[in-house]
PDB file of all heavy atoms in Angstrom:
ATOM      1  N   ARG A   1     -35.267 109.680 194.934  1.00  0.00           N
ATOM      2  CA  ARG A   1     -36.042 110.901 194.710  1.00  0.00           C
ATOM      3  C   ARG A   1     -35.599 111.549 193.312  1.00  0.00           C
ATOM      4  O   ARG A   1     -36.091 112.712 192.956  1.00  0.00           O
ATOM      5  CB  ARG A   1     -35.794 111.916 195.815  1.00  0.00           C
ATOM      6  CG  ARG A   1     -36.246 111.417 197.191  1.00  0.00           C
ATOM      7  CD  ARG A   1     -36.114 112.290 198.318  1.00  0.00           C
ATOM      8  NE  ARG A   1     -36.410 111.724 199.572  1.00  0.00           N
ATOM      9  CZ  ARG A   1     -36.700 112.324 200.729  1.00  0.00           C
ATOM     10  NH1 ARG A   1     -36.870 113.644 200.698  1.00  0.00           N
ATOM     11  NH2 ARG A   1     -36.766 111.712 201.872  1.00  0.00           N
ATOM     12  N   GLY A   2     -34.797 110.847 192.522  1.00  0.00           N
ATOM     13  CA  GLY A   2     -34.536 111.342 191.221  1.00  0.00           C
ATOM     14  C   GLY A   2     -33.595 112.474 191.062  1.00  0.00           C
ATOM     15  O   GLY A   2     -33.640 113.233 190.101  1.00  0.00           O
ATOM     16  N   LEU A   3     -32.735 112.683 192.059  1.00  0.00           N
ATOM     17  CA  LEU A   3     -31.876 113.894 192.143  1.00  0.00           C
ATOM     18  C   LEU A   3     -30.494 113.595 191.438  1.00  0.00           C
ATOM     19  O   LEU A   3     -29.723 114.571 191.208  1.00  0.00           O
ATOM     20  CB  LEU A   3     -31.559 114.335 193.498  1.00  0.00           C
ATOM     21  CG  LEU A   3     -32.814 114.648 194.331  1.00  0.00           C
ATOM     22  CD1 LEU A   3     -32.342 115.125 195.750  1.00  0.00           C
ATOM     23  CD2 LEU A   3     -33.686 115.698 193.696  1.00  0.00           C
ATOM     24  N   VAL A   4     -30.232 112.371 191.128  1.00  0.00           N
ATOM     25  CA  VAL A   4     -28.903 111.966 190.710  1.00  0.00           C
ATOM     26  C   VAL A   4     -28.947 111.147 189.421  1.00  0.00           C
ATOM     27  O   VAL A   4     -30.040 110.565 189.112  1.00  0.00           O
ATOM     28  CB  VAL A   4     -28.046 111.373 191.785  1.00  0.00           C
ATOM     29  CG1 VAL A   4     -27.791 112.342 192.910  1.00  0.00           C
ATOM     30  CG2 VAL A   4     -28.691 110.053 192.341  1.00  0.00           C
ATOM     31  N   SER A   5     -27.755 110.941 188.783  1.00  0.00           N
ATOM     32  CA  SER A   5     -27.724 110.087 187.532  1.00  0.00           C
ATOM     33  C   SER A   5     -27.291 108.719 187.949  1.00  0.00           C
ATOM     34  O   SER A   5     -27.576 107.742 187.211  1.00  0.00           O
ATOM     35  CB  SER A   5     -26.750 110.712 186.617  1.00  0.00           C
ATOM     36  OG  SER A   5     -27.293 111.881 186.011  1.00  0.00           O
ATOM     37  N   SER A   6     -26.661 108.463 189.013  1.00  0.00           N
ATOM     38  CA  SER A   6     -26.325 107.084 189.529  1.00  0.00           C
ATOM     39  C   SER A   6     -25.988 107.236 191.022  1.00  0.00           C
ATOM     40  O   SER A   6     -25.693 108.345 191.544  1.00  0.00           O
ATOM     41  CB  SER A   6     -25.161 106.527 188.880  1.00  0.00           C
ATOM     42  OG  SER A   6     -23.802 107.136 189.111  1.00  0.00           O
ATOM     43  N   ALA A   7     -26.010 106.106 191.683  1.00  0.00           N
ATOM     44  CA  ALA A   7     -25.661 106.164 193.125  1.00  0.00           C
ATOM     45  C   ALA A   7     -24.891 104.929 193.438  1.00  0.00           C
ATOM     46  O   ALA A   7     -25.101 103.809 193.026  1.00  0.00           O
ATOM     47  CB  ALA A   7     -26.914 106.125 194.052  1.00  0.00           C
ATOM     48  N   THR A   8     -23.681 105.056 194.184  1.00  0.00           N
ATOM     49  CA  THR A   8     -22.922 104.053 194.726  1.00  0.00           C
ATOM     50  C   THR A   8     -22.941 104.144 196.225  1.00  0.00           C
ATOM     51  O   THR A   8     -22.498 105.304 196.701  1.00  0.00           O
ATOM     52  CB  THR A   8     -21.506 104.012 194.219  1.00  0.00           C
ATOM     53  OG1 THR A   8     -21.549 104.014 192.729  1.00  0.00           O
ATOM     54  CG2 THR A   8     -20.677 102.901 194.649  1.00  0.00           C
ATOM     55  N   ALA A   9     -23.361 103.066 196.928  1.00  0.00           N
ATOM     56  CA  ALA A   9     -23.430 103.112 198.446  1.00  0.00           C
ATOM     57  C   ALA A   9     -22.384 102.051 198.961  1.00  0.00           C
ATOM     58  O   ALA A   9     -22.504 100.894 198.583  1.00  0.00           O
ATOM     59  CB  ALA A   9     -24.819 102.945 198.835  1.00  0.00           C
ATOM     60  N   LEU A  10     -21.575 102.602 199.886  1.00  0.00           N
ATOM     61  CA  LEU A  10     -20.532 101.610 200.556  1.00  0.00           C
ATOM     62  C   LEU A  10     -21.039 101.422 201.977  1.00  0.00           C
ATOM     63  O   LEU A  10     -21.093 102.309 202.702  1.00  0.00           O
ATOM     64  CB  LEU A  10     -19.248 102.239 200.438  1.00  0.00           C
ATOM     65  CG  LEU A  10     -18.627 102.714 199.187  1.00  0.00           C
ATOM     66  CD1 LEU A  10     -17.305 103.289 199.350  1.00  0.00           C
ATOM     67  CD2 LEU A  10     -18.523 101.513 198.152  1.00  0.00           C
ATOM     68  N   SER A  11     -21.409 100.100 202.293  1.00  0.00           N
ATOM     69  CA  SER A  11     -22.049  99.764 203.551  1.00  0.00           C
ATOM     70  C   SER A  11     -22.998 100.829 203.998  1.00  0.00           C
ATOM     71  O   SER A  11     -22.847 101.423 205.028  1.00  0.00           O
ATOM     72  CB  SER A  11     -20.945  99.570 204.626  1.00  0.00           C
ATOM     73  OG  SER A  11     -20.057  98.509 204.336  1.00  0.00           O
ATOM     74  N   PRO A  12     -24.087 100.989 203.270  1.00  0.00           N
ATOM     75  CA  PRO A  12     -25.035 102.056 203.602  1.00  0.00           C
ATOM     76  C   PRO A  12     -25.859 101.776 204.824  1.00  0.00           C
ATOM     77  O   PRO A  12     -26.168 100.557 205.054  1.00  0.00           O
ATOM     78  CB  PRO A  12     -25.952 102.127 202.410  1.00  0.00           C
ATOM     79  CG  PRO A  12     -25.886 100.739 201.733  1.00  0.00           C
ATOM     80  CD  PRO A  12     -24.480 100.218 202.022  1.00  0.00           C
ATOM     81  N   ALA A  13     -26.078 102.716 205.589  1.00  0.00           N
ATOM     82  CA  ALA A  13     -27.057 102.697 206.790  1.00  0.00           C
ATOM     83  C   ALA A  13     -28.429 102.434 206.189  1.00  0.00           C
ATOM     84  O   ALA A  13     -28.778 102.692 204.964  1.00  0.00           O
ATOM     85  CB  ALA A  13     -26.913 103.918 207.660  1.00  0.00           C
ATOM     86  N   GLY A  14     -29.347 102.050 207.079  1.00  0.00           N
ATOM     87  CA  GLY A  14     -30.770 101.966 206.769  1.00  0.00           C
ATOM     88  C   GLY A  14     -31.258 100.617 206.466  1.00  0.00           C
ATOM     89  O   GLY A  14     -32.439 100.437 206.154  1.00  0.00           O
ATOM     90  N   PHE A  15     -30.394  99.544 206.574  1.00  0.00           N
ATOM     91  CA  PHE A  15     -30.783  98.150 206.413  1.00  0.00           C
ATOM     92  C   PHE A  15     -30.642  97.365 207.658  1.00  0.00           C
ATOM     93  O   PHE A  15     -30.710  96.104 207.583  1.00  0.00           O
ATOM     94  CB  PHE A  15     -30.055  97.581 205.285  1.00  0.00           C
ATOM     95  CG  PHE A  15     -30.216  98.260 203.918  1.00  0.00           C
ATOM     96  CD1 PHE A  15     -29.358  99.219 203.522  1.00  0.00           C
ATOM     97  CD2 PHE A  15     -31.352  97.990 203.265  1.00  0.00           C
ATOM     98  CE1 PHE A  15     -29.519  99.877 202.339  1.00  0.00           C
ATOM     99  CE2 PHE A  15     -31.643  98.678 202.046  1.00  0.00           C
ATOM    100  CZ  PHE A  15     -30.585  99.648 201.482  1.00  0.00           C
ATOM    101  N   PHE A  16     -30.538  97.968 208.786  1.00  0.00           N
ATOM    102  CA  PHE A  16     -30.319  97.242 210.023  1.00  0.00           C
ATOM    103  C   PHE A  16     -31.720  97.007 210.788  1.00  0.00           C
ATOM    104  O   PHE A  16     -32.639  97.647 210.417  1.00  0.00           O
ATOM    105  CB  PHE A  16     -29.509  98.128 211.083  1.00  0.00           C
ATOM    106  CG  PHE A  16     -29.588  99.581 210.840  1.00  0.00           C
ATOM    107  CD1 PHE A  16     -30.777 100.297 211.009  1.00  0.00           C
ATOM    108  CD2 PHE A  16     -28.497 100.336 210.551  1.00  0.00           C
ATOM    109  CE1 PHE A  16     -30.902 101.603 210.787  1.00  0.00           C
ATOM    110  CE2 PHE A  16     -28.556 101.726 210.417  1.00  0.00           C
ATOM    111  CZ  PHE A  16     -29.786 102.355 210.587  1.00  0.00           C
ATOM    112  N   ASN A  17     -31.740  96.012 211.643  1.00  0.00           N
ATOM    113  CA  ASN A  17     -32.941  95.819 212.510  1.00  0.00           C
ATOM    114  C   ASN A  17     -32.601  96.617 213.784  1.00  0.00           C
ATOM    115  O   ASN A  17     -31.529  97.202 213.914  1.00  0.00           O
ATOM    116  CB  ASN A  17     -33.161  94.328 212.745  1.00  0.00           C
ATOM    117  CG  ASN A  17     -32.013  93.601 213.396  1.00  0.00           C
ATOM    118  OD1 ASN A  17     -31.278  94.171 214.206  1.00  0.00           O
ATOM    119  ND2 ASN A  17     -31.845  92.319 213.084  1.00  0.00           N
ATOM    120  N   ALA A  18     -33.506  96.517 214.695  1.00  0.00           N
ATOM    121  CA  ALA A  18     -33.424  97.397 215.936  1.00  0.00           C
ATOM    122  C   ALA A  18     -32.197  96.992 216.764  1.00  0.00           C
ATOM    123  O   ALA A  18     -31.441  97.819 217.241  1.00  0.00           O
ATOM    124  CB  ALA A  18     -34.717  97.166 216.787  1.00  0.00           C
ATOM    125  N   ALA A  19     -31.910  95.642 216.914  1.00  0.00           N
ATOM    126  CA  ALA A  19     -30.813  95.214 217.730  1.00  0.00           C
ATOM    127  C   ALA A  19     -29.488  95.635 217.012  1.00  0.00           C
ATOM    128  O   ALA A  19     -28.538  96.087 217.667  1.00  0.00           O
ATOM    129  CB  ALA A  19     -30.853  93.705 217.821  1.00  0.00           C
ATOM    130  N   GLU A  20     -29.324  95.529 215.690  1.00  0.00           N
ATOM    131  CA  GLU A  20     -28.143  95.958 214.960  1.00  0.00           C
ATOM    132  C   GLU A  20     -27.981  97.479 215.078  1.00  0.00           C
ATOM    133  O   GLU A  20     -26.790  97.849 215.235  1.00  0.00           O
ATOM    134  CB  GLU A  20     -28.318  95.520 213.460  1.00  0.00           C
ATOM    135  CG  GLU A  20     -28.170  93.981 213.377  1.00  0.00           C
ATOM    136  CD  GLU A  20     -28.709  93.533 211.923  1.00  0.00           C
ATOM    137  OE1 GLU A  20     -29.475  94.280 211.290  1.00  0.00           O
ATOM    138  OE2 GLU A  20     -28.378  92.424 211.622  1.00  0.00           O
ATOM    139  N   LEU A  21     -29.025  98.196 215.004  1.00  0.00           N
ATOM    140  CA  LEU A  21     -28.910  99.576 215.181  1.00  0.00           C
ATOM    141  C   LEU A  21     -28.426  99.949 216.630  1.00  0.00           C
ATOM    142  O   LEU A  21     -27.530 100.847 216.783  1.00  0.00           O
ATOM    143  CB  LEU A  21     -30.232 100.255 214.947  1.00  0.00           C
ATOM    144  CG  LEU A  21     -30.296 101.860 215.218  1.00  0.00           C
ATOM    145  CD1 LEU A  21     -29.199 102.476 214.238  1.00  0.00           C
ATOM    146  CD2 LEU A  21     -31.689 102.389 214.919  1.00  0.00           C
ATOM    147  N   ARG A  22     -29.009  99.288 217.619  1.00  0.00           N
ATOM    148  CA  ARG A  22     -28.508  99.539 218.996  1.00  0.00           C
ATOM    149  C   ARG A  22     -27.039  99.331 219.127  1.00  0.00           C
ATOM    150  O   ARG A  22     -26.210  99.961 219.799  1.00  0.00           O
ATOM    151  CB  ARG A  22     -29.270  98.803 219.990  1.00  0.00           C
ATOM    152  CG  ARG A  22     -30.652  99.278 220.215  1.00  0.00           C
ATOM    153  CD  ARG A  22     -31.281  98.659 221.494  1.00  0.00           C
ATOM    154  NE  ARG A  22     -31.470  97.276 221.422  1.00  0.00           N
ATOM    155  CZ  ARG A  22     -32.491  96.599 220.889  1.00  0.00           C
ATOM    156  NH1 ARG A  22     -33.495  97.308 220.435  1.00  0.00           N
ATOM    157  NH2 ARG A  22     -32.631  95.342 220.841  1.00  0.00           N
ATOM    158  N   PHE A  23     -26.588  98.144 218.541  1.00  0.00           N
ATOM    159  CA  PHE A  23     -25.194  97.822 218.519  1.00  0.00           C
ATOM    160  C   PHE A  23     -24.252  98.840 217.914  1.00  0.00           C
ATOM    161  O   PHE A  23     -23.240  99.296 218.423  1.00  0.00           O
ATOM    162  CB  PHE A  23     -24.903  96.424 217.804  1.00  0.00           C
ATOM    163  CG  PHE A  23     -23.494  96.106 217.632  1.00  0.00           C
ATOM    164  CD1 PHE A  23     -22.709  95.645 218.734  1.00  0.00           C
ATOM    165  CD2 PHE A  23     -22.864  96.325 216.432  1.00  0.00           C
ATOM    166  CE1 PHE A  23     -21.334  95.263 218.445  1.00  0.00           C
ATOM    167  CE2 PHE A  23     -21.514  95.950 216.195  1.00  0.00           C
ATOM    168  CZ  PHE A  23     -20.821  95.516 217.210  1.00  0.00           C
ATOM    169  N   ALA A  24     -24.673  99.230 216.600  1.00  0.00           N
ATOM    170  CA  ALA A  24     -23.903 100.332 215.953  1.00  0.00           C
ATOM    171  C   ALA A  24     -23.865 101.620 216.695  1.00  0.00           C
ATOM    172  O   ALA A  24     -22.753 102.301 216.855  1.00  0.00           O
ATOM    173  CB  ALA A  24     -24.453 100.427 214.478  1.00  0.00           C
ATOM    174  N   ALA A  25     -24.959 102.020 217.269  1.00  0.00           N
ATOM    175  CA  ALA A  25     -24.944 103.237 218.008  1.00  0.00           C
ATOM    176  C   ALA A  25     -24.168 103.169 219.167  1.00  0.00           C
ATOM    177  O   ALA A  25     -23.429 104.156 219.581  1.00  0.00           O
ATOM    178  CB  ALA A  25     -26.557 103.631 218.259  1.00  0.00           C
ATOM    179  N   GLY A  26     -24.197 102.015 219.940  1.00  0.00           N
ATOM    180  CA  GLY A  26     -23.357 101.923 221.047  1.00  0.00           C
ATOM    181  C   GLY A  26     -21.830 101.982 220.768  1.00  0.00           C
ATOM    182  O   GLY A  26     -21.187 102.595 221.488  1.00  0.00           O
ATOM    183  N   VAL A  27     -21.509 101.336 219.566  1.00  0.00           N
ATOM    184  CA  VAL A  27     -19.976 101.391 219.240  1.00  0.00           C
ATOM    185  C   VAL A  27     -19.612 102.874 218.955  1.00  0.00           C
ATOM    186  O   VAL A  27     -18.579 103.307 219.318  1.00  0.00           O
ATOM    187  CB  VAL A  27     -19.799 100.433 217.948  1.00  0.00           C
ATOM    188  CG1 VAL A  27     -18.468 100.753 217.501  1.00  0.00           C
ATOM    189  CG2 VAL A  27     -19.937  98.993 218.404  1.00  0.00           C
ATOM    190  N   LEU A  28     -20.469 103.512 218.202  1.00  0.00           N
ATOM    191  CA  LEU A  28     -20.176 104.946 217.780  1.00  0.00           C
ATOM    192  C   LEU A  28     -20.120 105.792 219.089  1.00  0.00           C
ATOM    193  O   LEU A  28     -19.193 106.633 219.128  1.00  0.00           O
ATOM    194  CB  LEU A  28     -21.197 105.400 216.848  1.00  0.00           C
ATOM    195  CG  LEU A  28     -21.104 104.735 215.424  1.00  0.00           C
ATOM    196  CD1 LEU A  28     -22.405 105.175 214.568  1.00  0.00           C
ATOM    197  CD2 LEU A  28     -19.909 105.208 214.648  1.00  0.00           C
ATOM    198  N   ARG A  29     -21.014 105.609 219.971  1.00  0.00           N
ATOM    199  CA  ARG A  29     -20.986 106.440 221.224  1.00  0.00           C
ATOM    200  C   ARG A  29     -19.738 106.167 221.991  1.00  0.00           C
ATOM    201  O   ARG A  29     -19.078 107.100 222.526  1.00  0.00           O
ATOM    202  CB  ARG A  29     -22.240 106.214 222.027  1.00  0.00           C
ATOM    203  CG  ARG A  29     -23.528 106.707 221.488  1.00  0.00           C
ATOM    204  CD  ARG A  29     -24.717 106.358 222.466  1.00  0.00           C
ATOM    205  NE  ARG A  29     -25.982 106.914 221.887  1.00  0.00           N
ATOM    206  CZ  ARG A  29     -26.451 108.039 222.264  1.00  0.00           C
ATOM    207  NH1 ARG A  29     -25.768 108.835 222.997  1.00  0.00           N
ATOM    208  NH2 ARG A  29     -27.562 108.326 221.763  1.00  0.00           N
ATOM    209  N   ALA A  30     -19.371 104.904 222.105  1.00  0.00           N
ATOM    210  CA  ALA A  30     -18.160 104.530 222.857  1.00  0.00           C
ATOM    211  C   ALA A  30     -16.833 105.095 222.139  1.00  0.00           C
ATOM    212  O   ALA A  30     -16.017 105.535 222.823  1.00  0.00           O
ATOM    213  CB  ALA A  30     -18.117 102.965 222.976  1.00  0.00           C
ATOM    214  N   SER A  31     -16.797 105.020 220.887  1.00  0.00           N
ATOM    215  CA  SER A  31     -15.761 105.546 220.187  1.00  0.00           C
ATOM    216  C   SER A  31     -15.573 107.154 220.365  1.00  0.00           C
ATOM    217  O   SER A  31     -14.570 107.590 220.524  1.00  0.00           O
ATOM    218  CB  SER A  31     -15.878 105.322 218.624  1.00  0.00           C
ATOM    219  OG  SER A  31     -15.919 103.918 218.368  1.00  0.00           O
ATOM    220  N   ARG A  32     -16.690 107.719 220.460  1.00  0.00           N
ATOM    221  CA  ARG A  32     -16.735 109.163 220.724  1.00  0.00           C
ATOM    222  C   ARG A  32     -16.146 109.479 222.175  1.00  0.00           C
ATOM    223  O   ARG A  32     -15.525 110.493 222.350  1.00  0.00           O
ATOM    224  CB  ARG A  32     -18.118 109.780 220.467  1.00  0.00           C
ATOM    225  CG  ARG A  32     -18.154 111.224 220.375  1.00  0.00           C
ATOM    226  CD  ARG A  32     -19.517 111.704 219.746  1.00  0.00           C
ATOM    227  NE  ARG A  32     -19.470 113.156 219.469  1.00  0.00           N
ATOM    228  CZ  ARG A  32     -20.195 114.103 220.034  1.00  0.00           C
ATOM    229  NH1 ARG A  32     -21.072 113.774 220.968  1.00  0.00           N
ATOM    230  NH2 ARG A  32     -20.153 115.348 219.575  1.00  0.00           N
ATOM    231  N   VAL A  33     -16.716 108.696 223.144  1.00  0.00           N
ATOM    232  CA  VAL A  33     -16.136 108.877 224.513  1.00  0.00           C
ATOM    233  C   VAL A  33     -14.658 108.669 224.581  1.00  0.00           C
ATOM    234  O   VAL A  33     -13.869 109.399 225.209  1.00  0.00           O
ATOM    235  CB  VAL A  33     -16.895 107.929 225.339  1.00  0.00           C
ATOM    236  CG1 VAL A  33     -16.240 107.892 226.806  1.00  0.00           C
ATOM    237  CG2 VAL A  33     -18.458 108.313 225.488  1.00  0.00           C
ATOM    238  N   ALA A  34     -14.273 107.602 223.846  1.00  0.00           N
ATOM    239  CA  ALA A  34     -12.766 107.272 223.847  1.00  0.00           C
ATOM    240  C   ALA A  34     -11.879 108.383 223.234  1.00  0.00           C
ATOM    241  O   ALA A  34     -10.762 108.643 223.642  1.00  0.00           O
ATOM    242  CB  ALA A  34     -12.537 105.997 223.155  1.00  0.00           C
ATOM    243  N   ALA A  35     -12.512 109.119 222.271  1.00  0.00           N
ATOM    244  CA  ALA A  35     -11.749 110.192 221.685  1.00  0.00           C
ATOM    245  C   ALA A  35     -11.844 111.548 222.477  1.00  0.00           C
ATOM    246  O   ALA A  35     -11.098 112.479 222.153  1.00  0.00           O
ATOM    247  CB  ALA A  35     -12.467 110.541 220.217  1.00  0.00           C
ATOM    248  N   ASN A  36     -12.653 111.552 223.600  1.00  0.00           N
ATOM    249  CA  ASN A  36     -12.688 112.773 224.374  1.00  0.00           C
ATOM    250  C   ASN A  36     -11.476 112.836 225.352  1.00  0.00           C
ATOM    251  O   ASN A  36     -11.678 112.918 226.595  1.00  0.00           O
ATOM    252  CB  ASN A  36     -14.009 112.779 225.132  1.00  0.00           C
ATOM    253  CG  ASN A  36     -14.304 114.115 225.681  1.00  0.00           C
ATOM    254  OD1 ASN A  36     -13.890 115.080 225.275  1.00  0.00           O
ATOM    255  ND2 ASN A  36     -15.062 114.017 226.817  1.00  0.00           N
TER     256      ASN A  36
END
């Protein structure tokens, strides 16, 4: 969107397919439960 002079992205989100997104979301949810 032209807001910056350069961008560096480390393992950026947004390039997953549906199955990969479900996997990542499941891991994150489980990690959150484990931290409770």
